[in-house]
Amino acid sequence: MGLVYAHRPGIAQLLNPFMAELVRAHPQVVGLGTVLPGEPNAADIVKEAIDVHKLRGIKLHCHVQKVAIDSPQVLEVLEICQQRQVPAIVHAGREPASRAYGVQTHEICGVDRTRRVLQRLPGLRLLIPHLGADEFSDYFRLLADHEHLYLDTAMACADYFAYRPEMAQVEHWAGRIVYGTDFPIIPYEVDRELRVLARRIVADDALQQLLRGTAQTLWPS
C-alpha cells in the first residue's frame, strides 16, 4: 500500500500524480490519493485522483488535517468515494495523539463520529487505522453493525503503546482487519508487529486473513 496525505492546500495536486507514477513504475503497489478536506476544488481533486490517475482510494488523517470525520468537508470527500466505490482510509481514532498536531484529537475524533458517517453513507468502504485506538472495544462492536467498516492493525498490535486491544477480538474479526505497518514512520523494528501477531493469533487461517486476505477483499487484483 502506498499512502499519502495532504497537510495544506495544493499539496494533493503534487502527491496524487506522484503516487500514480509510483504505481506505474511498481505495479505491485496499491496507491491511494489524498486531498485536504475543504481546500478549493477538493471534490475535483478527489475525482481526478480516482478517475484520471486511477488511484484506488483516498487517505485522510484527521489529526494532521485538523478536521473531524463527520465534518461537511470530509463528508464531501467520502461521498465521492462511496459513489466511485473505492475505499477510504481515514485516521479518525483519538490516538496516537501528539501536541505537535496543534489540535485536541480527543475532541475532533471518536467512535461516535465514525458511527454517524457510516449511518449516513452505508455503502462506503471505510478503513480506520490503528484499530480505532484507543477505543478498541467500541470499534469492534461497530464492525458488527456495519458490514463495510474495516480496521487496520498499524502499531496497535505491536505491544508498543500502553493501551492495547484484546487479541482474541482481533482474531475473531480477522476478516475485517488488515495488517498495517505505518512504515517507514515507526519507532521500532519493521517486523515487530508481525512477530507479535504471529505469537498471539492462534488460528493460522485467521493470521493469513489478517496479513493478506482482507486486503485482497478490499483491493482485489
Protein backbone atom coordinates (compact mmCIF):
# COMPACT_ATOMS: atom_id res chain seq x y z
CA MET A 1 0.00 0.00 0.00
CA GLY A 2 1.18 3.48 -0.86
CA LEU A 3 -0.46 6.12 1.31
CA VAL A 4 -0.02 9.89 1.34
CA TYR A 5 -1.95 12.75 2.90
CA ALA A 6 -2.05 16.49 2.30
CA HIS A 7 -1.30 18.82 5.19
CA ARG A 8 -2.06 22.08 3.38
CA PRO A 9 -3.88 23.28 0.25
CA GLY A 10 -2.25 22.47 -3.07
CA ILE A 11 -0.18 19.54 -1.84
CA ALA A 12 -2.62 16.90 -3.14
CA GLN A 13 -2.14 18.08 -6.72
CA LEU A 14 1.53 17.12 -6.34
CA LEU A 15 1.13 13.97 -4.28
CA ASN A 16 -1.54 12.28 -6.41
CA PRO A 17 0.40 12.38 -9.70
CA PHE A 18 3.49 11.25 -7.81
CA MET A 19 1.60 8.25 -6.44
CA ALA A 20 0.27 7.44 -9.89
CA GLU A 21 3.82 7.46 -11.27
CA LEU A 22 4.97 5.23 -8.42
CA VAL A 23 2.25 2.70 -9.19
CA ARG A 24 3.12 2.69 -12.88
CA ALA A 25 6.75 2.00 -12.02
CA HIS A 26 5.86 -0.60 -9.38
CA PRO A 27 2.53 -2.25 -10.31
CA GLN A 28 2.57 -4.34 -7.12
CA VAL A 29 1.85 -1.15 -5.14
CA VAL A 30 -1.78 -0.26 -4.42
CA GLY A 31 -1.73 3.52 -4.49
CA LEU A 32 -4.23 5.82 -2.79
CA GLY A 33 -4.71 9.52 -3.36
CA THR A 34 -5.42 12.31 -0.93
CA VAL A 35 -6.89 15.77 -0.55
CA LEU A 36 -7.06 18.39 2.17
CA PRO A 37 -10.78 18.43 3.04
CA GLY A 38 -12.23 21.88 2.46
CA GLU A 39 -9.48 23.12 0.16
CA PRO A 40 -10.55 24.83 -3.08
CA ASN A 41 -11.82 22.31 -5.66
CA ALA A 42 -11.49 19.43 -3.18
CA ALA A 43 -14.19 17.41 -4.95
CA ASP A 44 -12.47 17.82 -8.32
CA ILE A 45 -9.12 16.79 -6.81
CA VAL A 46 -10.68 13.59 -5.46
CA LYS A 47 -12.39 12.78 -8.74
CA GLU A 48 -9.18 13.38 -10.67
CA ALA A 49 -7.23 11.12 -8.29
CA ILE A 50 -9.68 8.28 -8.89
CA ASP A 51 -10.84 8.81 -12.48
CA VAL A 52 -7.69 10.21 -14.12
CA HIS A 53 -4.79 8.97 -12.01
CA LYS A 54 -6.57 5.64 -11.37
CA LEU A 55 -5.70 5.65 -7.67
CA ARG A 56 -7.65 3.09 -5.71
CA GLY A 57 -8.97 5.08 -2.80
CA ILE A 58 -8.42 8.18 -0.69
CA LYS A 59 -6.37 8.62 2.50
CA LEU A 60 -7.24 11.28 5.10
CA HIS A 61 -5.73 11.98 8.51
CA CYS A 62 -8.00 13.84 10.93
CA HIS A 63 -5.13 14.75 13.30
CA VAL A 64 -2.82 16.19 10.68
CA GLN A 65 -5.60 17.82 8.67
CA LYS A 66 -7.33 19.12 11.82
CA VAL A 67 -10.79 18.03 10.78
CA ALA A 68 -13.41 15.60 12.11
CA ILE A 69 -14.53 12.64 10.04
CA ASP A 70 -18.17 13.76 10.27
CA SER A 71 -17.45 17.35 9.21
CA PRO A 72 -19.06 18.59 5.98
CA GLN A 73 -15.62 18.91 4.36
CA VAL A 74 -14.77 15.25 4.96
CA LEU A 75 -18.25 14.00 4.12
CA GLU A 76 -17.88 15.65 0.71
CA VAL A 77 -14.81 13.50 0.07
CA LEU A 78 -16.33 10.32 1.48
CA GLU A 79 -19.49 10.70 -0.58
CA ILE A 80 -17.35 10.66 -3.73
CA CYS A 81 -15.56 7.54 -2.51
CA GLN A 82 -18.91 5.86 -1.99
CA GLN A 83 -20.10 6.93 -5.45
CA ARG A 84 -16.88 5.71 -7.08
CA GLN A 85 -16.93 2.51 -4.96
CA VAL A 86 -13.37 2.94 -3.72
CA PRO A 87 -12.23 2.55 -0.10
CA ALA A 88 -11.38 5.50 2.11
CA ILE A 89 -8.71 5.19 4.79
CA VAL A 90 -9.33 7.78 7.49
CA HIS A 91 -7.29 8.15 10.67
CA ALA A 92 -10.30 9.01 12.80
CA GLY A 93 -9.27 7.34 16.06
CA ARG A 94 -8.26 9.51 19.00
CA GLU A 95 -4.76 8.02 19.31
CA PRO A 96 -1.85 8.09 18.88
CA ALA A 97 -2.11 11.77 19.75
CA SER A 98 0.59 14.44 19.83
CA ARG A 99 0.70 18.10 20.84
CA ALA A 100 2.61 18.68 17.62
CA TYR A 101 -0.63 18.31 15.68
CA GLY A 102 -1.90 21.53 17.19
CA VAL A 103 -5.37 20.11 17.76
CA GLN A 104 -7.13 18.25 20.59
CA THR A 105 -7.54 14.86 18.92
CA HIS A 106 -9.95 13.58 21.56
CA GLU A 107 -12.28 16.46 20.68
CA ILE A 108 -12.35 16.01 16.90
CA CYS A 109 -12.09 12.20 16.85
CA GLY A 110 -14.10 9.39 18.37
CA VAL A 111 -16.15 6.33 17.55
CA ASP A 112 -19.46 8.22 17.70
CA ARG A 113 -18.34 10.48 14.87
CA THR A 114 -17.39 7.45 12.78
CA ARG A 115 -20.74 5.85 13.54
CA ARG A 116 -22.57 8.90 12.23
CA VAL A 117 -20.62 8.73 8.98
CA LEU A 118 -21.43 5.05 8.49
CA GLN A 119 -25.10 5.69 9.14
CA ARG A 120 -25.12 8.47 6.57
CA LEU A 121 -23.02 6.59 3.98
CA PRO A 122 -23.92 2.90 4.42
CA GLY A 123 -22.24 1.86 1.17
CA LEU A 124 -18.88 3.46 1.99
CA ARG A 125 -15.97 1.06 2.41
CA LEU A 126 -14.20 2.76 5.30
CA LEU A 127 -10.94 1.63 6.90
CA ILE A 128 -9.94 3.08 10.28
CA PRO A 129 -6.21 2.71 11.10
CA HIS A 130 -4.72 1.62 14.43
CA LEU A 131 -7.87 -0.42 15.24
CA GLY A 132 -9.50 2.89 16.17
CA ALA A 133 -7.08 3.45 19.05
CA ASP A 134 -7.77 3.91 21.84
CA GLU A 135 -11.47 2.92 21.58
CA PHE A 136 -10.76 -0.66 20.55
CA SER A 137 -13.82 -2.34 22.06
CA ASP A 138 -16.16 0.29 20.65
CA TYR A 139 -14.75 -0.16 17.16
CA PHE A 140 -15.01 -3.95 17.38
CA ARG A 141 -18.69 -3.52 18.25
CA LEU A 142 -19.08 -1.12 15.34
CA LEU A 143 -17.80 -3.85 12.99
CA ALA A 144 -20.82 -5.95 13.93
CA ASP A 145 -23.22 -3.18 12.88
CA HIS A 146 -21.59 -2.00 9.64
CA GLU A 147 -20.53 -4.56 7.05
CA HIS A 148 -18.37 -2.13 5.06
CA LEU A 149 -16.26 -0.97 8.00
CA TYR A 150 -12.69 -2.26 8.26
CA LEU A 151 -9.82 -1.64 10.66
CA ASP A 152 -6.06 -1.95 10.36
CA THR A 153 -3.55 -3.05 12.97
CA ALA A 154 -0.85 -0.39 12.40
CA MET A 155 1.12 -0.03 15.63
CA ALA A 156 -1.88 -1.12 17.73
CA CYS A 157 -0.74 -4.76 17.91
CA ALA A 158 2.98 -4.14 18.37
CA ASP A 159 2.98 -4.04 22.20
CA TYR A 160 4.30 -0.51 21.88
CA PHE A 161 1.53 1.62 23.42
CA ALA A 162 0.18 1.31 26.94
CA TYR A 163 -3.33 0.89 25.50
CA ARG A 164 -3.68 -2.48 23.76
CA PRO A 165 -6.53 -4.29 22.02
CA GLU A 166 -7.89 -7.65 23.09
CA MET A 167 -6.13 -10.05 20.74
CA ALA A 168 -8.99 -12.55 20.85
CA GLN A 169 -11.16 -9.87 19.26
CA VAL A 170 -8.52 -9.14 16.65
CA GLU A 171 -8.52 -12.81 15.75
CA HIS A 172 -12.32 -13.00 15.77
CA TRP A 173 -12.59 -10.08 13.34
CA ALA A 174 -9.67 -11.14 11.12
CA GLY A 175 -11.91 -10.99 8.05
CA ARG A 176 -12.42 -7.27 8.61
CA ILE A 177 -8.95 -6.31 9.81
CA VAL A 178 -5.93 -5.51 7.62
CA TYR A 179 -2.32 -5.73 8.74
CA GLY A 180 -0.85 -2.22 8.56
CA THR A 181 2.77 -1.28 9.06
CA ASP A 182 2.90 2.55 9.16
CA PHE A 183 6.36 2.01 7.62
CA PRO A 184 8.64 3.93 7.43
CA ILE A 185 7.28 6.19 10.19
CA ILE A 186 7.57 3.68 13.04
CA PRO A 187 9.77 3.84 16.17
CA TYR A 188 10.67 0.13 16.25
CA GLU A 189 11.90 -2.75 14.08
CA VAL A 190 9.85 -3.24 10.91
CA ASP A 191 8.87 -6.82 11.83
CA ARG A 192 7.93 -6.15 15.45
CA GLU A 193 4.16 -6.18 14.95
CA LEU A 194 4.38 -9.20 12.65
CA ARG A 195 6.15 -11.13 15.39
CA VAL A 196 3.53 -10.16 17.97
CA LEU A 197 0.68 -11.18 15.68
CA ALA A 198 2.37 -14.49 14.85
CA ARG A 199 2.68 -15.29 18.57
CA ARG A 200 -0.81 -14.26 19.62
CA ILE A 201 -3.12 -15.14 16.74
CA VAL A 202 -3.89 -18.79 17.39
CA ALA A 203 -5.58 -19.87 14.16
CA ASP A 204 -3.36 -19.96 11.08
CA ASP A 205 -6.27 -19.10 8.77
CA ALA A 206 -7.04 -16.00 10.85
CA LEU A 207 -3.41 -14.88 10.65
CA GLN A 208 -3.40 -15.38 6.87
CA GLN A 209 -6.61 -13.38 6.63
CA LEU A 210 -5.08 -10.52 8.61
CA LEU A 211 -1.85 -10.48 6.63
CA ARG A 212 -3.29 -10.89 3.15
CA GLY A 213 -6.89 -11.97 2.71
CA THR A 214 -8.72 -8.92 3.99
CA ALA A 215 -6.59 -6.55 1.95
CA GLN A 216 -7.31 -8.65 -1.16
CA THR A 217 -11.01 -8.29 -0.42
CA LEU A 218 -10.72 -4.50 -0.28
CA TRP A 219 -8.33 -4.20 -3.24
CA PRO A 220 -8.75 -7.23 -5.50
CA SER A 221 -6.08 -7.65 -8.17
